Every structure is written in C-alpha cells, then in structure tokens.
Amino acid sequence: MKLTPEQQIKLHGFNNLTKSLSFNLYDICYTRTKAEREAYIEYIDEQYNAERLTTILKTVSDIIGAYVLNVAKQDYDPQGASVTMLVSEGPVVTVSTESLEESPGPLPDTVLMHLDKSHITVHTYPEYHPDEGISTFRADIDVSTCGEISPLKALHYLIRSFDTDIMTMDYRVRGFTRDISGHKLFIDHEISSIQNYIPNDIKDLYHMIDVNVYQENIFHTKCKLREFDLNNYLFGYTKDKLSEAEQLDITESLKWEMDEIFYGKNINMVY
C-alpha cells in the first residue's frame, strides 16, 4: 500500500538509524571415517571459498543498492574463509515506500538509500566431532546498513546461497533519528517478525520459533528443516549401502546434533 505524502515520515537531516542483520547458517553431515571427514571439509572449503563468498556479498550489495568501497578476503589454513566488505550509499533516487514494508524479495527498482558506515561480512567455520562421525559447516553473516532501507531485503538471497539445515537470525534497529519537529524516532518501519521477510516456499520447509523484544526493536528467529531424508546427510554414498540398524543409529545421531544446535544447549539423546 502506497503512503500519501501526509503519511510519510519527514525527517530532520540524515537518517541515523542503524539496521543490523546477523545470522548463522548450519549444514550437517554424517562422515563415518577420517577420510570422509577430510573430504567433506575439503568440499566445503572449495564450495564456500573466499572468492565465491565475495561474489555472494557483492550480489547482496547490489540488492540493497550499495557501492563497494573495500573488500578484504582470506582463505584460512586448515579450513574456513572470511570476507569483509565496506559499502557506502548508492545513487539517490525517488523513495519507494515499499522499501519500508514487510515483504520478502529484492528491493524495488527505486529507493533512497544512505549506506555510509555500513558493512557486510561473512565467516565460515567447518568442523567435525573427533569421535562420533558428525561434521558441521557454519556460516556467520552480518549485514549492517545506515538509513532508510533494511538489510532484511537481502535475506531471501542469502538463505538460497547456502545449503542450510538450521538458521539462527537476529535483526536489530539501533540508535535514533529525528522528525522535522525534533521528535526522536527509534525505528522507521513496521515489523513484527523476521519471518515476514522470508518467502513462503522457504518458510514451508522450516519449523520456526520467534523470540522478539519489541520494546527494544530486537527480533530473533530460529529455523530447522521439517523434513528429514537420510540421503541428504551422507557424504559420498546413499542409505541403501547401510543396514537398517545403521540407518537408525545415524539418523538418531544427526537429529540429536540438529536439536542441540537449534535449541542452543546440550540435550539427552532420547528418541
């Protein structure tokens, strides 16, 4: 719904609000042997190396309309990678009020954006359990913008860029700006949940829990895949190579690992 000029917020000077999106993406895999674990880590390091991560972040900057000022990237030994990108404001054009509404998808073609002192970062953490055959890959992503637009507009693209079993997302609006009368504004758009920025086809795949602190403009959403197919968690072979007892044991181990990550605590393995 398009706002009338009377309904639009008129600000005094620059919009000083900082909008920060931080989230963790997890991929879980069962690796029976040391060789399988090493092969999985090698695959992850190749699939999500610093060069590809840079490409992903540049696409994010395009989606939110930012100019890239500087890129620092690094592949680590023995594993993992990092990319940090500083961005500045994009072209100043007509404001589209759609950019202030809850809706998944890329930004509208026209939007006023102020992105000075903004950044986009990603860090990856491949790791494995030394004894129990579980390997995990975690990507930590931060998108922080200053001004009219929200980094949530790039959320759907980032989710689709990674193989994700579990997601933990945080969005916060910090600071304040002022309207033309000098009245402080601690948020400049309506939001009730991060889920409102995730397309339905993705939401249908996940069980989601919200923990929001509305008075502090803090929004937290956790997601875990609803469906479980053991073949998606075996590296280099399929479940028909395993006995029924092995399939059951591996399934329990994987679900246990996923539940611990999703709930953020160690739990008893009971199924």
Protein backbone atom coordinates (compact mmCIF):
# COMPACT_ATOMS: atom_id res chain seq x y z
CA MET A 1 0.00 0.00 0.00
CA LYS A 2 1.43 3.33 -1.10
CA LEU A 3 1.59 6.01 1.58
CA THR A 4 0.34 9.51 0.88
CA PRO A 5 2.75 12.43 1.37
CA GLU A 6 0.90 13.23 4.61
CA GLN A 7 1.50 9.68 5.92
CA GLN A 8 5.21 9.56 5.10
CA ILE A 9 7.71 10.30 7.87
CA LYS A 10 9.55 13.56 7.29
CA LEU A 11 12.99 13.55 8.88
CA HIS A 12 15.24 16.30 10.12
CA GLY A 13 18.50 15.73 8.24
CA PHE A 14 20.14 12.35 7.74
CA ASN A 15 18.53 9.09 8.90
CA ASN A 16 20.90 7.92 11.67
CA LEU A 17 19.24 4.57 12.40
CA THR A 18 21.47 1.50 12.09
CA LYS A 19 19.77 -1.72 10.99
CA SER A 20 21.75 -4.89 11.60
CA LEU A 21 21.01 -8.41 10.42
CA SER A 22 23.11 -11.23 11.87
CA PHE A 23 22.53 -14.89 11.26
CA ASN A 24 24.14 -18.29 11.45
CA LEU A 25 23.59 -20.97 8.81
CA TYR A 26 24.38 -24.61 9.56
CA ASP A 27 24.89 -27.60 7.28
CA ILE A 28 25.12 -31.02 8.97
CA CYS A 29 26.74 -34.13 7.52
CA TYR A 30 27.48 -37.66 8.73
CA THR A 31 31.06 -38.72 7.98
CA ARG A 32 31.96 -42.24 9.10
CA THR A 33 35.74 -42.16 8.69
CA LYS A 34 38.61 -39.72 8.92
CA ALA A 35 38.90 -39.81 5.14
CA GLU A 36 35.22 -38.86 4.77
CA ARG A 37 35.59 -36.02 7.27
CA GLU A 38 38.62 -34.65 5.43
CA ALA A 39 36.81 -34.97 2.09
CA TYR A 40 33.77 -33.11 3.48
CA ILE A 41 35.92 -30.27 4.86
CA GLU A 42 37.75 -30.06 1.52
CA TYR A 43 34.41 -29.91 -0.32
CA ILE A 44 33.10 -27.15 1.95
CA ASP A 45 36.31 -25.13 1.62
CA GLU A 46 36.06 -25.38 -2.15
CA GLN A 47 32.31 -24.70 -2.30
CA TYR A 48 32.48 -21.69 0.02
CA ASN A 49 35.93 -20.27 -0.58
CA ALA A 50 36.70 -16.58 -0.18
CA GLU A 51 36.26 -15.90 -3.89
CA ARG A 52 32.73 -17.33 -4.03
CA LEU A 53 31.79 -15.67 -0.74
CA THR A 54 32.93 -12.35 -2.20
CA THR A 55 30.64 -12.90 -5.19
CA ILE A 56 27.72 -13.59 -2.83
CA LEU A 57 28.36 -10.44 -0.80
CA LYS A 58 28.71 -8.31 -3.95
CA THR A 59 25.28 -9.57 -5.02
CA VAL A 60 23.93 -8.57 -1.60
CA SER A 61 25.34 -5.08 -2.08
CA ASP A 62 23.63 -4.92 -5.47
CA ILE A 63 20.30 -6.00 -3.94
CA ILE A 64 20.43 -3.26 -1.31
CA GLY A 65 21.86 -0.73 -3.78
CA ALA A 66 25.23 -0.11 -2.13
CA TYR A 67 28.60 0.85 -3.59
CA VAL A 68 31.51 -1.40 -2.60
CA LEU A 69 34.36 0.67 -1.15
CA ASN A 70 36.72 -2.05 0.02
CA VAL A 71 36.92 -5.85 0.12
CA ALA A 72 39.14 -7.89 2.45
CA LYS A 73 39.06 -11.67 1.92
CA GLN A 74 41.00 -14.61 3.26
CA ASP A 75 41.04 -18.42 2.98
CA TYR A 76 42.38 -20.00 6.17
CA ASP A 77 44.60 -22.98 6.86
CA PRO A 78 43.47 -25.61 7.74
CA GLN A 79 39.89 -24.56 6.89
CA GLY A 80 37.41 -21.72 6.70
CA ALA A 81 37.24 -18.35 4.98
CA SER A 82 36.28 -14.72 5.71
CA VAL A 83 35.18 -11.74 3.66
CA THR A 84 34.59 -8.20 4.93
CA MET A 85 33.09 -5.58 2.62
CA LEU A 86 32.72 -1.87 3.38
CA VAL A 87 29.94 -0.17 1.45
CA SER A 88 28.68 3.37 1.00
CA GLU A 89 25.45 4.94 -0.14
CA GLY A 90 24.05 4.15 -3.56
CA PRO A 91 22.51 6.57 -6.03
CA VAL A 92 19.96 8.92 -4.51
CA VAL A 93 16.68 8.47 -6.37
CA THR A 94 12.98 8.60 -5.60
CA VAL A 95 11.87 6.89 -2.39
CA SER A 96 9.62 3.85 -2.81
CA THR A 97 7.56 3.32 0.33
CA GLU A 98 7.53 -0.42 -0.44
CA SER A 99 11.06 -0.49 0.97
CA LEU A 100 9.62 0.25 4.41
CA GLU A 101 7.01 -2.51 4.34
CA GLU A 102 7.37 -6.15 5.33
CA SER A 103 7.81 -8.12 2.13
CA PRO A 104 10.30 -10.78 1.01
CA GLY A 105 12.27 -10.40 -2.18
CA PRO A 106 14.74 -7.96 -3.70
CA LEU A 107 14.49 -4.23 -3.26
CA PRO A 108 12.22 -2.18 -5.51
CA ASP A 109 13.88 -0.57 -8.52
CA THR A 110 13.70 2.88 -6.95
CA VAL A 111 14.69 3.66 -3.39
CA LEU A 112 16.52 6.33 -1.43
CA MET A 113 19.46 4.73 0.35
CA HIS A 114 22.04 6.04 2.82
CA LEU A 115 24.64 3.35 3.49
CA ASP A 116 27.66 5.26 4.78
CA LYS A 117 29.44 3.49 7.66
CA SER A 118 27.90 0.19 6.56
CA HIS A 119 29.40 -3.23 6.13
CA ILE A 120 28.72 -6.79 5.04
CA THR A 121 30.74 -9.70 6.44
CA VAL A 122 30.80 -13.49 6.27
CA HIS A 123 32.93 -16.00 8.20
CA THR A 124 32.83 -19.79 7.73
CA TYR A 125 33.57 -22.48 10.30
CA PRO A 126 33.81 -26.08 9.02
CA GLU A 127 34.33 -28.52 11.89
CA TYR A 128 33.76 -32.13 12.93
CA HIS A 129 33.31 -34.28 16.02
CA PRO A 130 36.51 -36.28 16.64
CA ASP A 131 34.68 -39.49 17.59
CA GLU A 132 31.00 -39.51 16.64
CA GLY A 133 31.04 -39.04 12.86
CA ILE A 134 29.27 -35.67 12.75
CA SER A 135 30.65 -32.84 10.61
CA THR A 136 29.14 -29.36 10.51
CA PHE A 137 29.60 -26.23 8.46
CA ARG A 138 28.61 -22.86 9.91
CA ALA A 139 28.49 -19.53 8.12
CA ASP A 140 28.12 -16.33 10.16
CA ILE A 141 26.81 -13.38 8.16
CA ASP A 142 26.35 -9.75 9.19
CA VAL A 143 24.71 -7.04 7.10
CA SER A 144 24.64 -3.60 8.71
CA THR A 145 23.14 -0.57 6.96
CA CYS A 146 22.51 3.01 7.92
CA GLY A 147 19.49 4.88 6.63
CA GLU A 148 16.12 4.19 5.05
CA ILE A 149 16.46 0.59 3.89
CA SER A 150 16.72 -2.67 5.79
CA PRO A 151 19.23 -5.49 5.21
CA LEU A 152 16.29 -7.88 5.57
CA LYS A 153 15.63 -7.24 1.87
CA ALA A 154 18.63 -9.45 1.06
CA LEU A 155 17.70 -12.21 3.49
CA HIS A 156 16.00 -14.48 0.96
CA TYR A 157 19.01 -14.38 -1.38
CA LEU A 158 21.46 -15.23 1.40
CA ILE A 159 19.36 -18.19 2.54
CA ARG A 160 19.24 -19.55 -1.01
CA SER A 161 23.01 -19.14 -1.40
CA PHE A 162 23.82 -21.79 1.22
CA ASP A 163 22.79 -25.38 1.91
CA THR A 164 21.03 -24.79 5.21
CA ASP A 165 19.63 -27.23 7.76
CA ILE A 166 19.40 -24.74 10.64
CA MET A 167 19.27 -20.94 10.73
CA THR A 168 19.50 -18.53 13.66
CA MET A 169 18.70 -14.94 12.72
CA ASP A 170 18.81 -11.66 14.63
CA TYR A 171 17.66 -8.24 13.45
CA ARG A 172 18.03 -5.06 15.46
CA VAL A 173 17.44 -1.37 14.84
CA ARG A 174 19.82 0.80 16.88
CA GLY A 175 20.21 4.49 17.55
CA PHE A 176 17.63 7.13 16.73
CA THR A 177 16.82 9.77 14.16
CA ARG A 178 14.51 12.82 14.36
CA ASP A 179 11.48 14.02 12.50
CA ILE A 180 11.20 17.63 11.39
CA SER A 181 9.75 18.64 14.76
CA GLY A 182 12.77 17.18 16.62
CA HIS A 183 10.87 14.14 17.96
CA LYS A 184 13.10 11.07 18.29
CA LEU A 185 12.32 8.00 16.16
CA PHE A 186 13.87 4.72 17.30
CA ILE A 187 12.51 2.77 14.31
CA ASP A 188 11.20 3.96 10.96
CA HIS A 189 9.30 0.91 9.66
CA GLU A 190 6.75 -1.63 10.83
CA ILE A 191 8.00 -5.11 11.69
CA SER A 192 6.50 -7.90 13.77
CA SER A 193 8.79 -10.81 12.80
CA ILE A 194 11.78 -11.66 10.63
CA GLN A 195 9.56 -14.36 9.16
CA ASN A 196 7.63 -11.68 7.28
CA TYR A 197 10.70 -11.17 5.08
CA ILE A 198 11.10 -14.85 4.18
CA PRO A 199 9.23 -16.17 1.10
CA ASN A 200 6.51 -18.74 1.78
CA ASP A 201 8.24 -21.50 -0.17
CA ILE A 202 11.21 -21.25 2.21
CA LYS A 203 9.06 -20.92 5.33
CA ASP A 204 7.20 -24.09 4.36
CA LEU A 205 10.49 -26.01 4.61
CA TYR A 206 11.30 -24.98 8.19
CA HIS A 207 9.97 -25.20 11.71
CA MET A 208 10.37 -21.65 13.08
CA ILE A 209 10.41 -20.09 16.55
CA ASP A 210 10.39 -16.34 17.30
CA VAL A 211 11.79 -14.66 20.40
CA ASN A 212 11.23 -10.91 19.98
CA VAL A 213 11.75 -7.94 22.30
CA TYR A 214 9.54 -5.37 20.63
CA GLN A 215 10.21 -2.51 23.04
CA GLU A 216 13.94 -2.81 22.23
CA ASN A 217 13.45 -3.35 18.47
CA ILE A 218 15.14 -6.76 18.71
CA PHE A 219 13.87 -9.66 16.61
CA HIS A 220 15.11 -13.26 16.79
CA THR A 221 14.04 -16.25 14.68
CA LYS A 222 15.32 -19.84 14.72
CA CYS A 223 14.63 -22.30 11.88
CA LYS A 224 15.12 -26.05 11.45
CA LEU A 225 14.22 -28.16 8.43
CA ARG A 226 10.92 -30.01 8.85
CA GLU A 227 11.65 -32.98 6.60
CA PHE A 228 14.50 -35.40 7.21
CA ASP A 229 15.94 -37.54 4.41
CA LEU A 230 19.00 -39.50 5.49
CA ASN A 231 20.40 -39.45 1.95
CA ASN A 232 20.86 -35.69 2.24
CA TYR A 233 23.24 -36.16 5.18
CA LEU A 234 25.50 -38.92 3.86
CA PHE A 235 28.70 -37.90 2.09
CA GLY A 236 29.59 -39.93 -1.00
CA TYR A 237 27.02 -42.74 -0.68
CA THR A 238 23.33 -43.40 -0.06
CA LYS A 239 21.43 -45.12 2.72
CA ASP A 240 20.88 -48.32 0.71
CA LYS A 241 24.54 -49.08 1.47
CA LEU A 242 23.68 -49.27 5.18
CA SER A 243 21.79 -51.82 7.25
CA GLU A 244 18.51 -50.76 8.87
CA ALA A 245 20.23 -50.68 12.26
CA GLU A 246 22.97 -48.40 10.89
CA GLN A 247 20.38 -46.13 9.29
CA LEU A 248 18.52 -45.81 12.60
CA ASP A 249 21.68 -45.11 14.59
CA ILE A 250 22.94 -42.47 12.14
CA THR A 251 19.51 -40.83 11.95
CA GLU A 252 19.34 -40.52 15.73
CA SER A 253 22.85 -39.05 15.88
CA LEU A 254 22.08 -36.47 13.20
CA LYS A 255 18.76 -35.43 14.74
CA TRP A 256 20.41 -35.13 18.13
CA GLU A 257 23.09 -32.86 16.68
CA MET A 258 20.50 -30.72 14.90
CA ASP A 259 18.32 -30.38 18.00
CA GLU A 260 21.28 -29.29 20.13
CA ILE A 261 22.20 -26.60 17.61
CA PHE A 262 18.58 -25.49 17.19
CA TYR A 263 17.88 -25.22 20.92
CA GLY A 264 21.37 -23.95 21.75
CA LYS A 265 22.12 -26.43 24.51
CA ASN A 266 23.32 -29.97 25.19
CA ILE A 267 20.42 -32.38 25.49
CA ASN A 268 19.97 -36.07 26.25
CA MET A 269 19.86 -38.32 23.21
CA VAL A 270 16.36 -39.81 23.53
CA TYR A 271 14.14 -40.85 20.60
